[in-house]
Structure formats: C-alpha cells, structure tokens
Protein backbone atom coordinates (compact mmCIF):
# COMPACT_ATOMS: atom_id res chain seq x y z
CA UNK A 1 -6.30 -7.48 8.78
CA UNK A 2 -2.47 -7.37 10.37
CA UNK A 3 -1.05 -4.65 8.20
CA UNK A 4 -2.67 -2.40 10.39
CA UNK A 5 -0.73 -3.41 13.96
CA UNK A 6 2.11 -3.48 12.30
CA UNK A 7 4.80 -1.62 14.66
CA UNK A 8 8.53 -0.52 14.18
CA UNK A 9 9.45 -1.70 17.57
CA UNK A 10 8.28 -4.97 16.25
CA UNK A 11 11.62 -4.98 14.01
CA UNK A 12 14.22 -2.51 15.77
CA UNK A 13 15.34 -2.27 19.31
CA UNK A 14 15.30 1.25 21.28
CA UNK A 15 19.02 2.20 20.30
CA UNK A 16 17.30 2.11 16.31
CA UNK A 17 19.44 -1.25 15.73
CA UNK A 18 17.81 -4.02 13.96
CA UNK A 19 16.57 -6.97 15.06
CA UNK A 20 17.53 -10.13 13.33
CA UNK A 21 15.05 -11.00 10.75
CA UNK A 22 14.22 -14.53 12.37
CA UNK A 23 12.86 -12.38 15.47
CA UNK A 24 10.57 -10.41 12.99
CA UNK A 25 6.81 -10.99 13.48
CA UNK A 26 5.31 -12.82 10.49
CA UNK A 27 3.14 -9.59 9.30
CA UNK A 28 6.59 -7.80 8.89
CA UNK A 29 8.60 -10.34 7.10
CA UNK A 30 5.21 -11.15 4.47
CA UNK A 31 4.52 -7.36 4.02
CA UNK A 32 7.72 -5.52 3.94
CA UNK A 33 8.16 -3.79 0.46
CA UNK A 34 12.02 -3.94 0.15
CA UNK A 35 15.20 -4.14 2.13
CA UNK A 36 18.73 -3.21 0.94
CA UNK A 37 21.98 -3.67 2.56
CA UNK A 38 25.32 -1.83 1.65
CA UNK A 39 28.65 -2.20 3.05
CA UNK A 40 30.28 1.09 3.49
CA UNK A 41 34.11 1.33 3.46
CA UNK A 42 36.77 4.16 3.63
CA UNK A 43 40.26 4.58 2.12
CA UNK A 44 41.10 3.01 -1.28
CA UNK A 45 42.32 0.01 -3.15
CA UNK A 46 44.57 -2.33 -0.29
CA UNK A 47 43.91 0.77 2.02
CA UNK A 48 40.26 0.63 2.33
CA UNK A 49 38.44 -0.52 5.15
CA UNK A 50 35.18 -1.56 5.55
CA UNK A 51 33.60 0.75 8.71
CA UNK A 52 30.08 0.00 8.45
CA UNK A 53 27.11 -0.88 6.67
CA UNK A 54 24.15 0.68 5.69
CA UNK A 55 20.45 -0.65 5.48
CA UNK A 56 17.41 0.65 4.40
CA UNK A 57 13.90 -0.58 4.53
CA UNK A 58 11.28 0.11 2.99
CA UNK A 59 8.33 0.46 5.07
CA UNK A 60 4.74 -0.91 3.61
CA UNK A 61 2.20 1.84 2.21
CA UNK A 62 -0.47 0.88 5.10
CA UNK A 63 -3.02 3.42 3.57
CA UNK A 64 -2.62 1.95 -0.18
CA UNK A 65 -2.37 -2.06 0.86
CA UNK A 66 -5.85 -0.78 2.97
CA UNK A 67 -7.37 0.44 0.26
CA UNK A 68 -6.47 -2.38 -2.33
CA UNK A 69 -7.57 -4.65 0.61
CA UNK A 70 -10.52 -2.69 0.78
CA UNK A 71 -11.46 -2.60 -2.70
CA UNK A 72 -11.02 -6.45 -3.33
CA UNK A 73 -13.59 -7.71 -0.60
CA UNK A 74 -15.88 -5.17 -1.68
CA UNK A 75 -16.00 -2.52 1.40
CA UNK A 76 -18.55 -0.78 0.93
CA UNK A 77 -16.56 2.78 1.78
CA UNK A 78 -13.91 2.16 -1.35
CA UNK A 79 -16.83 1.50 -3.73
CA UNK A 80 -17.12 4.17 -6.77
CA UNK A 81 -19.88 5.74 -6.88
CA UNK A 82 -21.64 6.17 -10.04
CA UNK A 83 -24.49 8.73 -10.91
CA UNK A 84 -26.55 8.29 -13.48
CA UNK A 85 -29.39 11.11 -14.62
CA UNK A 86 -32.68 10.43 -16.33
CA UNK A 87 -34.79 12.87 -17.97
CA UNK A 88 -38.14 10.02 -17.77
CA UNK A 89 -40.67 12.55 -18.16
CA UNK A 90 -39.34 14.01 -21.30
CA UNK A 91 -38.33 10.68 -22.62
CA UNK A 92 -41.83 9.26 -22.17
CA UNK A 93 -43.19 12.80 -23.49
CA UNK A 94 -40.71 11.70 -26.80
CA UNK A 95 -41.97 8.73 -27.20
CA UNK A 96 -45.69 9.67 -27.00
CA UNK A 97 -45.05 12.13 -29.54
CA UNK A 98 -43.58 9.78 -31.64
CA UNK A 99 -46.25 6.87 -31.21
CA UNK A 100 -49.26 9.46 -31.90
CA UNK A 101 -47.26 10.67 -34.93
CA UNK A 102 -47.36 7.06 -36.36
C-alpha cells in the first residue's frame, strides 16, 4: 500500500515551493484529493498587476483511505462485530411445553 509511505518532501522543496508535477511520485499523482490554483492580483482595471499564484493542495485522508481499503479487502480489524444472543434453554423449554400440550 503506497498511501502510508507518502511524504510531503516528495512533492515540495525545503523552501516550501512545489516541485513540477512531472517530478512527483505516482502515488501522489493518483491519491491527491485536489489541487487549486488562483492568480493573485494587486490594483484594479488596467493598473492591476499579477503578484503571485496561490496553490492549494488537498492532501489525501490517509486514515480514511486505509480504512476503506481494509474494508474492501476484508481485513479482520475492520470487520464489524455483530453480537447475537439466544436463550437456547428457554426456547427448548417453550418448544417442549408446546409439544406436550398437543
């Protein structure tokens, strides 16, 4: 499972800039939840000037994805526990009483 090995340093540099997507490992390209880009401007109308680009990366929810994967492949730890209780003695006693009254 690759998702548990994903490291932010795979896609970012030490100065917090984002590496080109072509340099990203396949796991980051497949499991990223979203990527938003927005141009940042100062001024209005003809005087407006682009001053930067806002980049938002939506990280994958590792815990949720691993839980869903575990349920998908039937990992015992994720199996829902179902408890059933039966009063076998009472049920047999009722059945015997019913049969003897016939």
